[in-house]
Amino acid sequence: MKPMNEEHLAVLRRHMVEMIAIHADLASEELGQATLDERVMASMRRVPRHLFVPVAVAPYAYQDMPLPIGFDKTVSQPFIVALMTDLLAPQPHEAVLEIGTGLGYQTAIIAELAGHVWSVEIVEEFAIHAEALLQSLGFSNVAIRVGDGSRGWPEHAPYDKILVSVAAERTPPALLDQLKPGGRLVLPLASEEAQFLTVIDKDAGGQLQTRKLIPVRFSRLETV
């Protein structure tokens, strides 16, 4: 059997986005919305997820499921990537801090929508791979560093938006400090019982408003 070409892959991406739309509609009561931003959905249709996973699992790249990427980590299922991006609502003029680059898939989705993405990854092999891949795909608005994500990236703060793709028991204080007034932080917060996708808004006076949405399952935040 001959390998799939770009046309085939584009069809699979469109199908993936259709499944994301169904998932969003089914979860509309919990989310408070039945659809996701079309800008986000268009980005999901464009970014080639199969390039951001190991070759062995690339045939499953457009199924709505998380996939292993090594070091006991996974790339999130497409629905969760789309939902977190929708909740973050990155705009073309905004600077976004991402914690947990992985192999760069979520990074690429955000980079299509934001002005600049600063991403921190604790696994050096991931950071090196993601940086090379994103550059090869023409993403010139992304910078990646190896480090402890709980400390953020203070040199480029404050950020309009922050996305954390690993679960923490509490929001790292450094990330709240690096979030602009009027900004938003999206992350999975973990307790002993469960993890919940959480949105934290900081108002103009620096006060925080938190809302929990749906249960999720992410790798835990590693610190050094």
C-alpha atoms as a PDB file:
ATOM      1  CA  MET A   1       0.000   0.000   0.000  1.00  0.00           C
ATOM      2  CA  LYS A   2       1.365   3.416  -0.906  1.00  0.00           C
ATOM      3  CA  PRO A   3       1.880   6.030   1.823  1.00  0.00           C
ATOM      4  CA  MET A   4      -0.672   8.765   2.457  1.00  0.00           C
ATOM      5  CA  ASN A   5      -0.063  12.074   0.728  1.00  0.00           C
ATOM      6  CA  GLU A   6      -0.829  15.601   1.944  1.00  0.00           C
ATOM      7  CA  GLU A   7      -4.331  15.487   0.489  1.00  0.00           C
ATOM      8  CA  HIS A   8      -5.133  12.348   2.483  1.00  0.00           C
ATOM      9  CA  LEU A   9      -3.713  13.901   5.647  1.00  0.00           C
ATOM     10  CA  ALA A  10      -5.755  17.060   5.140  1.00  0.00           C
ATOM     11  CA  VAL A  11      -8.912  14.943   4.954  1.00  0.00           C
ATOM     12  CA  LEU A  12      -7.974  13.228   8.229  1.00  0.00           C
ATOM     13  CA  ARG A  13      -7.386  16.607   9.881  1.00  0.00           C
ATOM     14  CA  ARG A  14     -10.790  17.821   8.761  1.00  0.00           C
ATOM     15  CA  HIS A  15     -12.349  14.661  10.179  1.00  0.00           C
ATOM     16  CA  MET A  16     -10.462  15.226  13.453  1.00  0.00           C
ATOM     17  CA  VAL A  17     -11.871  18.755  13.685  1.00  0.00           C
ATOM     18  CA  GLU A  18     -15.379  17.441  13.025  1.00  0.00           C
ATOM     19  CA  MET A  19     -14.943  15.072  15.977  1.00  0.00           C
ATOM     20  CA  ILE A  20     -13.726  17.975  18.128  1.00  0.00           C
ATOM     21  CA  ALA A  21     -16.891  19.892  17.222  1.00  0.00           C
ATOM     22  CA  ILE A  22     -19.066  16.924  18.239  1.00  0.00           C
ATOM     23  CA  HIS A  23     -17.174  16.568  21.518  1.00  0.00           C
ATOM     24  CA  ALA A  24     -17.600  20.278  22.261  1.00  0.00           C
ATOM     25  CA  ASP A  25     -21.333  20.077  21.596  1.00  0.00           C
ATOM     26  CA  LEU A  26     -21.727  17.042  23.864  1.00  0.00           C
ATOM     27  CA  ALA A  27     -19.859  18.860  26.666  1.00  0.00           C
ATOM     28  CA  SER A  28     -21.726  22.132  26.159  1.00  0.00           C
ATOM     29  CA  GLU A  29     -23.435  22.073  29.573  1.00  0.00           C
ATOM     30  CA  GLU A  30     -20.125  21.761  31.413  1.00  0.00           C
ATOM     31  CA  LEU A  31     -18.341  24.241  29.143  1.00  0.00           C
ATOM     32  CA  GLY A  32     -21.086  26.827  28.932  1.00  0.00           C
ATOM     33  CA  GLN A  33     -20.716  26.870  25.149  1.00  0.00           C
ATOM     34  CA  ALA A  34     -21.513  24.472  22.318  1.00  0.00           C
ATOM     35  CA  THR A  35     -18.870  25.519  19.804  1.00  0.00           C
ATOM     36  CA  LEU A  36     -15.207  26.501  19.783  1.00  0.00           C
ATOM     37  CA  ASP A  37     -13.726  29.581  18.120  1.00  0.00           C
ATOM     38  CA  GLU A  38     -13.424  29.097  14.361  1.00  0.00           C
ATOM     39  CA  ARG A  39      -9.904  30.579  14.496  1.00  0.00           C
ATOM     40  CA  VAL A  40      -8.921  27.690  16.754  1.00  0.00           C
ATOM     41  CA  MET A  41     -10.653  25.114  14.571  1.00  0.00           C
ATOM     42  CA  ALA A  42      -8.929  26.487  11.470  1.00  0.00           C
ATOM     43  CA  SER A  43      -5.579  26.208  13.208  1.00  0.00           C
ATOM     44  CA  MET A  44      -6.341  22.598  14.130  1.00  0.00           C
ATOM     45  CA  ARG A  45      -7.093  21.909  10.457  1.00  0.00           C
ATOM     46  CA  ARG A  46      -3.750  23.393   9.376  1.00  0.00           C
ATOM     47  CA  VAL A  47      -1.150  22.136  11.857  1.00  0.00           C
ATOM     48  CA  PRO A  48       0.174  18.657  10.917  1.00  0.00           C
ATOM     49  CA  ARG A  49      -0.194  16.740  14.200  1.00  0.00           C
ATOM     50  CA  HIS A  50       1.422  13.651  12.679  1.00  0.00           C
ATOM     51  CA  LEU A  51       4.764  15.489  12.637  1.00  0.00           C
ATOM     52  CA  PHE A  52       4.570  16.214  16.373  1.00  0.00           C
ATOM     53  CA  VAL A  53       4.415  12.600  17.545  1.00  0.00           C
ATOM     54  CA  PRO A  54       6.868   9.692  17.264  1.00  0.00           C
ATOM     55  CA  VAL A  55       6.805   7.860  13.934  1.00  0.00           C
ATOM     56  CA  ALA A  56       5.486   4.690  15.585  1.00  0.00           C
ATOM     57  CA  VAL A  57       2.222   6.384  16.603  1.00  0.00           C
ATOM     58  CA  ALA A  58       1.904   8.796  13.661  1.00  0.00           C
ATOM     59  CA  PRO A  59      -0.798   6.621  11.995  1.00  0.00           C
ATOM     60  CA  TYR A  60      -3.044   7.465  14.969  1.00  0.00           C
ATOM     61  CA  ALA A  61      -2.268  11.196  14.955  1.00  0.00           C
ATOM     62  CA  TYR A  62      -5.717  12.282  13.774  1.00  0.00           C
ATOM     63  CA  GLN A  63      -7.732  10.184  16.171  1.00  0.00           C
ATOM     64  CA  ASP A  64      -9.149  12.119  19.123  1.00  0.00           C
ATOM     65  CA  MET A  65      -6.857  10.545  21.688  1.00  0.00           C
ATOM     66  CA  PRO A  66      -3.663  11.356  23.588  1.00  0.00           C
ATOM     67  CA  LEU A  67      -0.506   9.715  22.241  1.00  0.00           C
ATOM     68  CA  PRO A  68       2.749   8.760  23.992  1.00  0.00           C
ATOM     69  CA  ILE A  69       5.786  10.886  23.117  1.00  0.00           C
ATOM     70  CA  GLY A  70       8.375   9.378  25.470  1.00  0.00           C
ATOM     71  CA  PHE A  71       9.615  10.036  29.022  1.00  0.00           C
ATOM     72  CA  ASP A  72       6.191   8.867  30.295  1.00  0.00           C
ATOM     73  CA  LYS A  73       4.591  11.925  28.662  1.00  0.00           C
ATOM     74  CA  THR A  74       1.807  12.283  26.124  1.00  0.00           C
ATOM     75  CA  VAL A  75       0.550  14.828  23.635  1.00  0.00           C
ATOM     76  CA  SER A  76      -2.973  15.788  24.676  1.00  0.00           C
ATOM     77  CA  GLN A  77      -5.977  14.604  22.693  1.00  0.00           C
ATOM     78  CA  PRO A  78      -6.969  17.081  19.981  1.00  0.00           C
ATOM     79  CA  PHE A  79     -10.210  18.062  21.729  1.00  0.00           C
ATOM     80  CA  ILE A  80      -8.313  19.128  24.853  1.00  0.00           C
ATOM     81  CA  VAL A  81      -5.729  21.042  22.786  1.00  0.00           C
ATOM     82  CA  ALA A  82      -8.515  22.864  20.962  1.00  0.00           C
ATOM     83  CA  LEU A  83     -10.503  23.528  24.134  1.00  0.00           C
ATOM     84  CA  MET A  84      -7.531  24.897  26.073  1.00  0.00           C
ATOM     85  CA  THR A  85      -6.619  27.133  23.139  1.00  0.00           C
ATOM     86  CA  ASP A  86     -10.222  28.330  22.863  1.00  0.00           C
ATOM     87  CA  LEU A  87     -10.326  29.139  26.579  1.00  0.00           C
ATOM     88  CA  LEU A  88      -6.980  30.924  26.360  1.00  0.00           C
ATOM     89  CA  ALA A  89      -8.260  33.002  23.421  1.00  0.00           C
ATOM     90  CA  PRO A  90      -4.815  34.138  22.160  1.00  0.00           C
ATOM     91  CA  GLN A  91      -4.873  37.237  19.951  1.00  0.00           C
ATOM     92  CA  PRO A  92      -2.440  38.335  17.205  1.00  0.00           C
ATOM     93  CA  HIS A  93      -0.978  41.154  19.331  1.00  0.00           C
ATOM     94  CA  GLU A  94      -0.506  39.065  22.492  1.00  0.00           C
ATOM     95  CA  ALA A  95       2.478  37.398  24.154  1.00  0.00           C
ATOM     96  CA  VAL A  96       1.759  33.921  25.511  1.00  0.00           C
ATOM     97  CA  LEU A  97       3.752  31.878  28.005  1.00  0.00           C
ATOM     98  CA  GLU A  98       3.397  28.120  27.645  1.00  0.00           C
ATOM     99  CA  ILE A  99       4.542  25.682  30.315  1.00  0.00           C
ATOM    100  CA  GLY A 100       5.217  22.175  29.000  1.00  0.00           C
ATOM    101  CA  THR A 101       6.292  22.330  25.357  1.00  0.00           C
ATOM    102  CA  GLY A 102       6.454  18.589  24.815  1.00  0.00           C
ATOM    103  CA  LEU A 103       7.149  18.039  21.113  1.00  0.00           C
ATOM    104  CA  GLY A 104       5.511  21.355  20.255  1.00  0.00           C
ATOM    105  CA  TYR A 105       2.000  20.568  18.994  1.00  0.00           C
ATOM    106  CA  GLN A 106       0.095  22.820  21.386  1.00  0.00           C
ATOM    107  CA  THR A 107       2.854  25.404  20.889  1.00  0.00           C
ATOM    108  CA  ALA A 108       2.227  25.424  17.140  1.00  0.00           C
ATOM    109  CA  ILE A 109      -1.540  25.812  17.561  1.00  0.00           C
ATOM    110  CA  ILE A 110      -1.061  28.827  19.843  1.00  0.00           C
ATOM    111  CA  ALA A 111       1.673  30.307  17.634  1.00  0.00           C
ATOM    112  CA  GLU A 112      -0.744  30.402  14.710  1.00  0.00           C
ATOM    113  CA  LEU A 113      -3.031  32.664  16.737  1.00  0.00           C
ATOM    114  CA  ALA A 114      -0.775  34.735  19.014  1.00  0.00           C
ATOM    115  CA  GLY A 115       1.888  37.340  18.425  1.00  0.00           C
ATOM    116  CA  HIS A 116       4.649  35.467  20.242  1.00  0.00           C
ATOM    117  CA  VAL A 117       4.931  32.271  22.292  1.00  0.00           C
ATOM    118  CA  TRP A 118       7.528  31.763  24.999  1.00  0.00           C
ATOM    119  CA  SER A 119       7.584  28.075  25.951  1.00  0.00           C
ATOM    120  CA  VAL A 120       9.338  26.312  28.842  1.00  0.00           C
ATOM    121  CA  GLU A 121      10.063  22.568  28.808  1.00  0.00           C
ATOM    122  CA  ILE A 122      11.832  20.601  31.528  1.00  0.00           C
ATOM    123  CA  VAL A 123      12.906  17.696  29.252  1.00  0.00           C
ATOM    124  CA  GLU A 124      15.861  18.900  27.190  1.00  0.00           C
ATOM    125  CA  GLU A 125      15.345  16.321  24.428  1.00  0.00           C
ATOM    126  CA  PHE A 126      11.784  17.560  23.901  1.00  0.00           C
ATOM    127  CA  ALA A 127      12.848  21.198  23.807  1.00  0.00           C
ATOM    128  CA  ILE A 128      15.569  20.563  21.220  1.00  0.00           C
ATOM    129  CA  HIS A 129      13.253  18.498  19.007  1.00  0.00           C
ATOM    130  CA  ALA A 130      10.344  20.940  19.260  1.00  0.00           C
ATOM    131  CA  GLU A 131      12.499  23.958  18.495  1.00  0.00           C
ATOM    132  CA  ALA A 132      13.960  22.360  15.357  1.00  0.00           C
ATOM    133  CA  LEU A 133      10.555  21.139  14.148  1.00  0.00           C
ATOM    134  CA  LEU A 134       8.795  24.454  14.689  1.00  0.00           C
ATOM    135  CA  GLN A 135      11.568  26.310  12.900  1.00  0.00           C
ATOM    136  CA  SER A 136      11.387  23.896   9.971  1.00  0.00           C
ATOM    137  CA  LEU A 137       7.656  24.583   9.703  1.00  0.00           C
ATOM    138  CA  GLY A 138       8.224  28.323   9.594  1.00  0.00           C
ATOM    139  CA  PHE A 139       7.153  29.312  13.103  1.00  0.00           C
ATOM    140  CA  SER A 140       9.374  32.336  13.699  1.00  0.00           C
ATOM    141  CA  ASN A 141       7.345  33.666  16.644  1.00  0.00           C
ATOM    142  CA  VAL A 142       8.265  30.895  19.106  1.00  0.00           C
ATOM    143  CA  ALA A 143      11.120  30.715  21.627  1.00  0.00           C
ATOM    144  CA  ILE A 144      11.788  27.659  23.793  1.00  0.00           C
ATOM    145  CA  ARG A 145      13.939  27.235  26.867  1.00  0.00           C
ATOM    146  CA  VAL A 146      14.776  24.274  29.074  1.00  0.00           C
ATOM    147  CA  GLY A 147      13.797  24.864  32.667  1.00  0.00           C
ATOM    148  CA  ASP A 148      11.452  24.523  35.608  1.00  0.00           C
ATOM    149  CA  GLY A 149       8.049  25.606  34.344  1.00  0.00           C
ATOM    150  CA  SER A 150       6.824  26.570  37.803  1.00  0.00           C
ATOM    151  CA  ARG A 151       9.205  29.531  37.637  1.00  0.00           C
ATOM    152  CA  GLY A 152       7.870  30.763  34.316  1.00  0.00           C
ATOM    153  CA  TRP A 153      10.130  32.895  32.123  1.00  0.00           C
ATOM    154  CA  PRO A 154      10.485  36.167  34.017  1.00  0.00           C
ATOM    155  CA  GLU A 155      12.777  37.844  31.491  1.00  0.00           C
ATOM    156  CA  HIS A 156       9.886  38.297  29.049  1.00  0.00           C
ATOM    157  CA  ALA A 157       7.088  38.918  31.551  1.00  0.00           C
ATOM    158  CA  PRO A 158       4.422  40.117  31.882  1.00  0.00           C
ATOM    159  CA  TYR A 159       2.364  37.921  29.559  1.00  0.00           C
ATOM    160  CA  ASP A 160      -1.110  38.495  28.169  1.00  0.00           C
ATOM    161  CA  LYS A 161      -1.958  34.819  28.476  1.00  0.00           C
ATOM    162  CA  ILE A 162      -0.396  31.742  30.111  1.00  0.00           C
ATOM    163  CA  LEU A 163      -1.163  28.104  29.293  1.00  0.00           C
ATOM    164  CA  VAL A 164       0.073  25.223  31.443  1.00  0.00           C
ATOM    165  CA  SER A 165      -0.143  21.750  29.924  1.00  0.00           C
ATOM    166  CA  VAL A 166       0.881  19.869  33.068  1.00  0.00           C
ATOM    167  CA  ALA A 167      -1.118  19.477  36.268  1.00  0.00           C
ATOM    168  CA  ALA A 168      -0.232  21.286  39.484  1.00  0.00           C
ATOM    169  CA  GLU A 169      -1.777  21.037  42.960  1.00  0.00           C
ATOM    170  CA  ARG A 170      -1.839  24.814  43.109  1.00  0.00           C
ATOM    171  CA  THR A 171      -1.117  27.544  40.618  1.00  0.00           C
ATOM    172  CA  PRO A 172       2.596  28.405  40.778  1.00  0.00           C
ATOM    173  CA  PRO A 173       2.870  31.903  42.321  1.00  0.00           C
ATOM    174  CA  ALA A 174       5.531  32.901  39.775  1.00  0.00           C
ATOM    175  CA  LEU A 175       3.047  32.362  36.938  1.00  0.00           C
ATOM    176  CA  LEU A 176       0.417  34.518  38.599  1.00  0.00           C
ATOM    177  CA  ASP A 177       3.044  37.214  39.113  1.00  0.00           C
ATOM    178  CA  GLN A 178       4.028  37.057  35.427  1.00  0.00           C
ATOM    179  CA  LEU A 179       0.430  37.368  34.195  1.00  0.00           C
ATOM    180  CA  LYS A 180      -0.638  40.861  33.138  1.00  0.00           C
ATOM    181  CA  PRO A 181      -3.632  42.533  34.784  1.00  0.00           C
ATOM    182  CA  GLY A 182      -6.501  41.700  32.453  1.00  0.00           C
ATOM    183  CA  GLY A 183      -4.752  38.462  31.492  1.00  0.00           C
ATOM    184  CA  ARG A 184      -5.826  34.836  31.629  1.00  0.00           C
ATOM    185  CA  LEU A 185      -4.194  31.600  32.751  1.00  0.00           C
ATOM    186  CA  VAL A 186      -5.465  28.163  31.708  1.00  0.00           C
ATOM    187  CA  LEU A 187      -4.215  25.028  33.466  1.00  0.00           C
ATOM    188  CA  PRO A 188      -5.244  21.662  34.918  1.00  0.00           C
ATOM    189  CA  LEU A 189      -5.397  21.887  38.714  1.00  0.00           C
ATOM    190  CA  ALA A 190      -5.000  18.653  40.630  1.00  0.00           C
ATOM    191  CA  SER A 191      -6.296  17.483  43.976  1.00  0.00           C
ATOM    192  CA  GLU A 192      -6.049  14.067  45.576  1.00  0.00           C
ATOM    193  CA  GLU A 193      -9.316  13.094  43.900  1.00  0.00           C
ATOM    194  CA  ALA A 194      -9.129  14.554  40.402  1.00  0.00           C
ATOM    195  CA  GLN A 195      -7.762  17.133  37.993  1.00  0.00           C
ATOM    196  CA  PHE A 196      -9.974  19.879  36.575  1.00  0.00           C
ATOM    197  CA  LEU A 197      -9.321  22.158  33.653  1.00  0.00           C
ATOM    198  CA  THR A 198      -9.275  25.601  35.255  1.00  0.00           C
ATOM    199  CA  VAL A 199      -9.417  29.173  33.986  1.00  0.00           C
ATOM    200  CA  ILE A 200      -7.976  32.002  36.094  1.00  0.00           C
ATOM    201  CA  ASP A 201      -8.660  35.598  35.097  1.00  0.00           C
ATOM    202  CA  LYS A 202      -6.713  38.488  36.620  1.00  0.00           C
ATOM    203  CA  ASP A 203      -8.627  41.755  36.612  1.00  0.00           C
ATOM    204  CA  ALA A 204      -7.193  45.241  36.200  1.00  0.00           C
ATOM    205  CA  GLY A 205      -6.650  45.488  39.950  1.00  0.00           C
ATOM    206  CA  GLY A 206      -4.824  42.171  40.170  1.00  0.00           C
ATOM    207  CA  GLN A 207      -7.700  40.241  41.731  1.00  0.00           C
ATOM    208  CA  LEU A 208      -8.143  36.633  40.593  1.00  0.00           C
ATOM    209  CA  GLN A 209     -11.314  34.893  39.498  1.00  0.00           C
ATOM    210  CA  THR A 210     -11.183  31.105  39.127  1.00  0.00           C
ATOM    211  CA  ARG A 211     -13.579  28.717  37.436  1.00  0.00           C
ATOM    212  CA  LYS A 212     -13.297  24.952  37.073  1.00  0.00           C
ATOM    213  CA  LEU A 213     -14.661  23.250  33.974  1.00  0.00           C
ATOM    214  CA  ILE A 214     -14.227  19.578  33.132  1.00  0.00           C
ATOM    215  CA  PRO A 215     -12.201  16.731  34.644  1.00  0.00           C
ATOM    216  CA  VAL A 216      -8.958  16.039  32.768  1.00  0.00           C
ATOM    217  CA  ARG A 217      -5.860  13.893  33.120  1.00  0.00           C
ATOM    218  CA  PHE A 218      -2.398  15.398  32.634  1.00  0.00           C
ATOM    219  CA  SER A 219       1.149  14.545  33.642  1.00  0.00           C
ATOM    220  CA  ARG A 220       2.213  16.258  36.866  1.00  0.00           C
ATOM    221  CA  LEU A 221       4.276  19.430  36.878  1.00  0.00           C
ATOM    222  CA  GLU A 222       7.942  18.612  37.512  1.00  0.00           C
ATOM    223  CA  THR A 223      10.116  21.080  39.391  1.00  0.00           C
ATOM    224  CA  VAL A 224      13.841  21.264  40.058  1.00  0.00           C
END
